[in-house]
N, C-alpha and C. Protein backbone atom coordinates (compact mmCIF):
# COMPACT_ATOMS: atom_id res chain seq x y z
N UNK A 1 78.04 96.75 114.85
CA UNK A 1 79.32 97.14 114.32
C UNK A 1 79.52 96.55 112.94
N UNK A 2 80.24 97.29 112.10
CA UNK A 2 80.59 96.82 110.76
C UNK A 2 82.02 97.26 110.45
N UNK A 3 82.89 96.32 110.10
CA UNK A 3 84.27 96.63 109.75
C UNK A 3 84.28 97.29 108.38
N UNK A 4 85.11 98.35 108.21
CA UNK A 4 85.11 99.07 106.94
C UNK A 4 86.36 98.85 106.08
N UNK A 5 87.49 98.52 106.69
CA UNK A 5 88.69 98.25 105.88
C UNK A 5 89.76 97.59 106.73
N UNK A 6 90.79 97.11 106.08
CA UNK A 6 91.93 96.49 106.75
C UNK A 6 93.05 97.51 106.85
N UNK A 7 93.59 97.71 108.04
CA UNK A 7 94.70 98.63 108.25
C UNK A 7 96.04 97.91 108.11
N UNK A 8 96.21 96.81 108.82
CA UNK A 8 97.45 96.05 108.76
C UNK A 8 97.20 94.60 109.15
N UNK A 9 98.17 93.77 108.84
CA UNK A 9 98.19 92.40 109.35
C UNK A 9 99.65 92.10 109.65
N UNK A 10 99.90 90.97 110.27
CA UNK A 10 101.25 90.63 110.72
C UNK A 10 101.70 89.34 110.06
N UNK A 11 102.95 89.35 109.62
CA UNK A 11 103.61 88.14 109.14
C UNK A 11 104.71 87.81 110.14
N UNK A 12 104.75 86.57 110.56
CA UNK A 12 105.85 86.08 111.39
C UNK A 12 106.88 85.46 110.46
N UNK A 13 108.11 85.96 110.55
CA UNK A 13 109.16 85.55 109.62
C UNK A 13 110.32 84.90 110.35
N UNK A 14 110.93 83.93 109.69
CA UNK A 14 112.15 83.32 110.24
C UNK A 14 113.33 84.28 110.15
N UNK A 15 113.40 85.04 109.06
CA UNK A 15 114.53 85.94 108.81
C UNK A 15 113.98 87.27 108.30
N UNK A 16 114.02 88.30 109.15
CA UNK A 16 113.45 89.59 108.76
C UNK A 16 114.14 90.17 107.54
N UNK A 17 115.45 90.05 107.43
CA UNK A 17 116.16 90.62 106.28
C UNK A 17 115.70 90.00 104.97
N UNK A 18 115.57 88.67 104.92
CA UNK A 18 115.10 88.00 103.70
C UNK A 18 113.66 88.40 103.37
N UNK A 19 112.82 88.51 104.40
CA UNK A 19 111.43 88.89 104.19
C UNK A 19 111.33 90.32 103.68
N UNK A 20 112.08 91.24 104.28
CA UNK A 20 112.07 92.63 103.85
C UNK A 20 112.58 92.73 102.41
N UNK A 21 113.65 92.03 102.09
CA UNK A 21 114.18 92.05 100.72
C UNK A 21 113.13 91.56 99.73
N UNK A 22 112.49 90.44 100.02
CA UNK A 22 111.48 89.88 99.11
C UNK A 22 110.33 90.85 98.88
N UNK A 23 109.74 91.34 99.94
CA UNK A 23 108.55 92.19 99.80
C UNK A 23 108.87 93.55 99.20
N UNK A 24 110.08 94.06 99.42
CA UNK A 24 110.44 95.35 98.83
C UNK A 24 110.94 95.17 97.40
N UNK A 25 111.85 94.25 97.15
CA UNK A 25 112.43 94.06 95.82
C UNK A 25 111.44 93.42 94.85
N UNK A 26 110.75 92.39 95.29
CA UNK A 26 109.86 91.65 94.39
C UNK A 26 108.48 92.29 94.29
N UNK A 27 107.92 92.73 95.41
CA UNK A 27 106.55 93.25 95.39
C UNK A 27 106.47 94.78 95.47
N UNK A 28 107.60 95.45 95.58
CA UNK A 28 107.62 96.91 95.53
C UNK A 28 107.09 97.61 96.77
N UNK A 29 107.09 96.94 97.91
CA UNK A 29 106.63 97.56 99.15
C UNK A 29 107.74 98.40 99.77
N UNK A 30 107.36 99.35 100.60
CA UNK A 30 108.31 100.26 101.21
C UNK A 30 108.52 99.91 102.67
N UNK A 31 109.78 99.80 103.08
CA UNK A 31 110.10 99.49 104.47
C UNK A 31 109.87 100.71 105.35
N UNK A 32 109.24 100.48 106.49
CA UNK A 32 109.03 101.52 107.50
C UNK A 32 109.54 100.97 108.83
N UNK A 33 110.32 101.78 109.54
CA UNK A 33 110.73 101.43 110.89
C UNK A 33 109.97 102.35 111.83
N UNK A 34 109.32 101.77 112.84
CA UNK A 34 108.54 102.58 113.78
C UNK A 34 108.92 102.20 115.20
N UNK A 35 108.13 102.54 116.18
CA UNK A 35 108.46 102.45 117.61
C UNK A 35 109.32 101.24 117.96
N UNK A 36 110.37 101.50 118.73
CA UNK A 36 111.27 100.47 119.24
C UNK A 36 111.94 99.63 118.14
N UNK A 37 112.13 100.22 116.96
CA UNK A 37 112.81 99.52 115.88
C UNK A 37 111.98 98.48 115.17
N UNK A 38 110.68 98.48 115.40
CA UNK A 38 109.79 97.52 114.73
C UNK A 38 109.77 97.81 113.23
N UNK A 39 109.54 96.79 112.42
CA UNK A 39 109.56 96.91 110.96
C UNK A 39 108.18 96.64 110.39
N UNK A 40 107.87 97.38 109.31
CA UNK A 40 106.63 97.18 108.59
C UNK A 40 106.90 97.40 107.10
N UNK A 41 106.04 96.85 106.28
CA UNK A 41 106.10 97.02 104.84
C UNK A 41 104.82 97.74 104.41
N UNK A 42 104.99 98.90 103.76
CA UNK A 42 103.86 99.74 103.37
C UNK A 42 103.50 99.48 101.92
N UNK A 43 102.21 99.36 101.64
CA UNK A 43 101.70 99.28 100.27
C UNK A 43 100.31 99.88 100.27
N UNK A 44 100.04 100.79 99.32
CA UNK A 44 98.74 101.47 99.29
C UNK A 44 98.47 102.12 100.63
N UNK A 45 97.29 101.92 101.18
CA UNK A 45 96.90 102.46 102.48
C UNK A 45 97.02 101.41 103.58
N UNK A 46 97.74 100.34 103.33
CA UNK A 46 97.87 99.26 104.30
C UNK A 46 99.34 99.01 104.61
N UNK A 47 99.55 98.16 105.63
CA UNK A 47 100.90 97.74 105.93
C UNK A 47 100.90 96.33 106.49
N UNK A 48 102.06 95.71 106.35
CA UNK A 48 102.33 94.41 106.96
C UNK A 48 103.33 94.67 108.08
N UNK A 49 102.95 94.41 109.31
CA UNK A 49 103.90 94.47 110.42
C UNK A 49 104.66 93.15 110.44
N UNK A 50 105.93 93.21 110.77
CA UNK A 50 106.76 92.01 110.77
C UNK A 50 107.15 91.63 112.19
N UNK A 51 106.98 90.36 112.50
CA UNK A 51 107.46 89.79 113.75
C UNK A 51 108.48 88.72 113.39
N UNK A 52 109.54 88.65 114.18
CA UNK A 52 110.53 87.60 113.99
C UNK A 52 110.13 86.40 114.83
N UNK A 53 110.14 85.22 114.23
CA UNK A 53 109.76 83.99 114.93
C UNK A 53 110.58 83.82 116.20
N UNK A 54 109.90 83.59 117.31
CA UNK A 54 110.55 83.42 118.60
C UNK A 54 110.81 84.73 119.32
N UNK A 55 110.56 85.85 118.65
CA UNK A 55 110.80 87.17 119.22
C UNK A 55 109.61 88.09 118.88
N UNK A 56 108.40 87.56 118.97
CA UNK A 56 107.19 88.30 118.59
C UNK A 56 106.89 89.41 119.60
N UNK A 57 106.28 90.47 119.10
CA UNK A 57 105.84 91.56 119.97
C UNK A 57 104.50 91.19 120.58
N UNK A 58 104.26 91.64 121.81
CA UNK A 58 102.99 91.40 122.50
C UNK A 58 102.01 92.51 122.20
N UNK A 59 100.74 92.20 122.11
CA UNK A 59 100.17 90.86 122.01
C UNK A 59 100.40 90.30 120.60
N UNK A 60 100.27 88.99 120.47
CA UNK A 60 100.43 88.35 119.16
C UNK A 60 99.46 87.19 119.04
N UNK A 61 99.40 86.63 117.86
CA UNK A 61 98.51 85.50 117.61
C UNK A 61 98.81 84.36 118.58
N UNK A 62 97.85 83.53 118.83
CA UNK A 62 98.02 82.41 119.75
C UNK A 62 99.17 81.50 119.33
N UNK A 63 99.26 81.22 118.03
CA UNK A 63 100.28 80.32 117.51
C UNK A 63 100.97 80.93 116.29
N UNK A 64 101.78 81.97 116.48
CA UNK A 64 102.41 82.62 115.33
C UNK A 64 103.45 81.70 114.68
N UNK A 65 103.25 81.42 113.40
CA UNK A 65 104.15 80.51 112.70
C UNK A 65 104.55 81.07 111.34
N UNK A 66 105.82 81.05 111.01
CA UNK A 66 106.22 81.40 109.65
C UNK A 66 105.61 80.42 108.66
N UNK A 67 105.20 80.93 107.51
CA UNK A 67 104.68 80.07 106.45
C UNK A 67 103.22 79.72 106.57
N UNK A 68 102.48 80.34 107.48
CA UNK A 68 101.07 79.98 107.66
C UNK A 68 100.10 80.95 106.97
N UNK A 69 100.63 81.96 106.28
CA UNK A 69 99.76 82.96 105.64
C UNK A 69 99.45 82.58 104.19
N UNK A 70 98.29 83.01 103.73
CA UNK A 70 97.83 82.84 102.35
C UNK A 70 97.23 84.19 101.97
N UNK A 71 97.95 84.97 101.17
CA UNK A 71 97.59 86.37 100.93
C UNK A 71 97.37 86.63 99.45
N UNK A 72 96.49 87.57 99.16
CA UNK A 72 96.25 87.99 97.78
C UNK A 72 96.48 89.49 97.67
N UNK A 73 97.35 89.90 96.75
CA UNK A 73 97.63 91.30 96.49
C UNK A 73 97.16 91.65 95.08
N UNK A 74 96.49 92.78 94.95
CA UNK A 74 96.02 93.28 93.66
C UNK A 74 97.05 94.25 93.10
N UNK A 75 97.34 94.13 91.82
CA UNK A 75 98.23 95.07 91.14
C UNK A 75 97.57 95.55 89.85
N UNK A 76 97.90 96.78 89.49
CA UNK A 76 97.45 97.31 88.19
C UNK A 76 98.47 97.00 87.10
N UNK A 77 99.65 96.53 87.48
CA UNK A 77 100.66 96.15 86.50
C UNK A 77 100.12 94.98 85.69
N UNK A 78 100.15 95.07 84.36
CA UNK A 78 99.64 93.96 83.54
C UNK A 78 100.34 92.64 83.89
N UNK A 79 99.57 91.57 83.85
CA UNK A 79 100.06 90.26 84.30
C UNK A 79 101.32 89.82 83.57
N UNK A 80 101.44 90.09 82.28
CA UNK A 80 102.65 89.68 81.56
C UNK A 80 103.88 90.40 82.10
N UNK A 81 103.72 91.66 82.50
CA UNK A 81 104.84 92.40 83.10
C UNK A 81 105.17 91.84 84.49
N UNK A 82 104.14 91.46 85.24
CA UNK A 82 104.35 90.84 86.55
C UNK A 82 105.17 89.56 86.38
N UNK A 83 104.78 88.74 85.44
CA UNK A 83 105.46 87.46 85.18
C UNK A 83 106.91 87.72 84.78
N UNK A 84 107.15 88.69 83.91
CA UNK A 84 108.51 89.03 83.49
C UNK A 84 109.35 89.50 84.68
N UNK A 85 108.76 90.34 85.53
CA UNK A 85 109.46 90.84 86.71
C UNK A 85 109.83 89.69 87.64
N UNK A 86 108.89 88.78 87.88
CA UNK A 86 109.17 87.65 88.76
C UNK A 86 110.27 86.77 88.19
N UNK A 87 110.27 86.59 86.89
CA UNK A 87 111.32 85.81 86.23
C UNK A 87 112.67 86.47 86.44
N UNK A 88 112.74 87.79 86.26
CA UNK A 88 113.97 88.55 86.48
C UNK A 88 114.44 88.41 87.92
N UNK A 89 113.49 88.36 88.87
CA UNK A 89 113.83 88.24 90.30
C UNK A 89 114.08 86.80 90.73
N UNK A 90 114.03 85.85 89.78
CA UNK A 90 114.22 84.43 90.07
C UNK A 90 113.21 83.89 91.08
N UNK A 91 111.96 84.36 90.96
CA UNK A 91 110.87 83.89 91.81
C UNK A 91 109.98 82.98 90.97
N UNK A 92 109.95 81.69 91.26
CA UNK A 92 109.14 80.78 90.46
C UNK A 92 107.64 80.98 90.68
N UNK A 93 106.91 80.88 89.59
CA UNK A 93 105.45 80.91 89.66
C UNK A 93 105.01 79.47 89.86
N UNK A 94 104.25 79.22 90.91
CA UNK A 94 103.86 77.84 91.21
C UNK A 94 102.52 77.47 90.58
N UNK A 95 101.74 78.50 90.19
CA UNK A 95 100.47 78.24 89.51
C UNK A 95 100.00 79.52 88.84
N UNK A 96 99.33 79.36 87.71
CA UNK A 96 98.73 80.49 87.03
C UNK A 96 99.50 80.89 85.79
N UNK A 97 98.91 81.87 85.09
CA UNK A 97 97.74 82.66 85.46
C UNK A 97 96.44 81.87 85.34
N UNK A 98 95.55 82.15 86.30
CA UNK A 98 94.23 81.51 86.39
C UNK A 98 93.18 82.57 86.69
N UNK A 99 91.96 82.32 86.26
CA UNK A 99 90.86 83.20 86.67
C UNK A 99 90.36 82.74 88.03
N UNK A 100 90.23 83.69 88.94
CA UNK A 100 89.77 83.43 90.31
C UNK A 100 88.67 84.42 90.65
N UNK A 101 88.08 84.25 91.80
CA UNK A 101 87.02 85.14 92.28
C UNK A 101 87.55 85.94 93.46
N UNK A 102 87.58 87.28 93.32
CA UNK A 102 88.05 88.14 94.39
C UNK A 102 86.90 88.84 95.09
N UNK A 103 87.23 89.62 96.10
CA UNK A 103 86.20 90.34 96.86
C UNK A 103 85.44 91.33 95.99
N UNK A 104 86.12 91.92 94.99
CA UNK A 104 85.49 92.91 94.13
C UNK A 104 85.08 92.40 92.77
N UNK A 105 85.26 91.11 92.53
CA UNK A 105 84.91 90.54 91.23
C UNK A 105 85.99 89.60 90.73
N UNK A 106 85.95 89.28 89.43
CA UNK A 106 86.90 88.31 88.88
C UNK A 106 88.33 88.83 88.85
N UNK A 107 89.27 87.89 89.01
CA UNK A 107 90.70 88.19 89.03
C UNK A 107 91.45 87.28 88.05
N UNK A 108 92.56 87.77 87.55
CA UNK A 108 93.53 86.95 86.84
C UNK A 108 94.73 86.86 87.79
N UNK A 109 95.05 85.64 88.26
CA UNK A 109 95.98 85.46 89.37
C UNK A 109 97.13 84.52 89.03
N UNK A 110 98.26 84.79 89.67
CA UNK A 110 99.38 83.86 89.72
C UNK A 110 99.73 83.65 91.18
N UNK A 111 100.44 82.54 91.46
CA UNK A 111 100.81 82.20 92.83
C UNK A 111 102.32 81.99 92.93
N UNK A 112 102.89 82.56 94.00
CA UNK A 112 104.30 82.41 94.31
C UNK A 112 104.42 82.14 95.81
N UNK A 113 105.64 81.92 96.27
CA UNK A 113 105.88 81.76 97.71
C UNK A 113 106.95 82.75 98.15
N UNK A 114 106.78 83.26 99.37
CA UNK A 114 107.78 84.17 99.94
C UNK A 114 108.86 83.32 100.63
N UNK A 115 109.88 83.95 101.23
CA UNK A 115 110.97 83.17 101.84
C UNK A 115 110.55 82.19 102.93
N UNK A 116 109.39 82.41 103.56
CA UNK A 116 108.90 81.49 104.59
C UNK A 116 107.86 80.51 104.06
N UNK A 117 107.68 80.51 102.74
CA UNK A 117 106.70 79.64 102.07
C UNK A 117 105.26 80.06 102.29
N UNK A 118 105.02 81.32 102.70
CA UNK A 118 103.65 81.82 102.67
C UNK A 118 103.20 81.82 101.22
N UNK A 119 101.93 81.52 100.99
CA UNK A 119 101.40 81.54 99.63
C UNK A 119 100.99 82.96 99.29
N UNK A 120 101.52 83.48 98.19
CA UNK A 120 101.25 84.84 97.75
C UNK A 120 100.56 84.79 96.40
N UNK A 121 99.35 85.31 96.35
CA UNK A 121 98.60 85.45 95.10
C UNK A 121 98.77 86.89 94.64
N UNK A 122 99.14 87.06 93.38
CA UNK A 122 99.24 88.39 92.77
C UNK A 122 98.22 88.41 91.66
N UNK A 123 97.35 89.43 91.68
CA UNK A 123 96.21 89.40 90.76
C UNK A 123 95.94 90.74 90.10
N UNK A 124 95.40 90.65 88.90
CA UNK A 124 94.82 91.78 88.19
C UNK A 124 93.31 91.65 88.28
N UNK A 125 92.63 92.76 88.54
CA UNK A 125 91.17 92.74 88.49
C UNK A 125 90.75 92.67 87.03
N UNK A 126 89.80 91.82 86.72
CA UNK A 126 89.28 91.68 85.37
C UNK A 126 88.06 92.59 85.25
N UNK A 127 88.14 93.53 84.34
CA UNK A 127 87.02 94.47 84.12
C UNK A 127 85.92 93.75 83.35
N UNK A 128 84.72 93.82 83.88
CA UNK A 128 83.59 93.17 83.21
C UNK A 128 82.64 94.19 82.64
């Protein structure tokens, strides 16, 4: 067997409203409500399913905890525009821009935190 792509992953959040606001307003993701009122955030061909801490859907991770994720999102928006947008949204940049190594090659990255303190890397692919 060989895995070909990622369909979705799950974030456990303390407050779904704050998490939905952050990912939609700051990162431009689209809210989707599906079976039984469950919430997801759509971006590209992937989605983030949301679980509320203490009220997770079955099955779930062995130890679902808010703030335990470390994620990297690629954007085509130029980094200076990303930085300006984050400033407008009052989201502090905790590190960067820095050159990093991504799955597809070099990246120019900045780091922020979401409402649960998950580490969020936002990156531009560097064309070589």
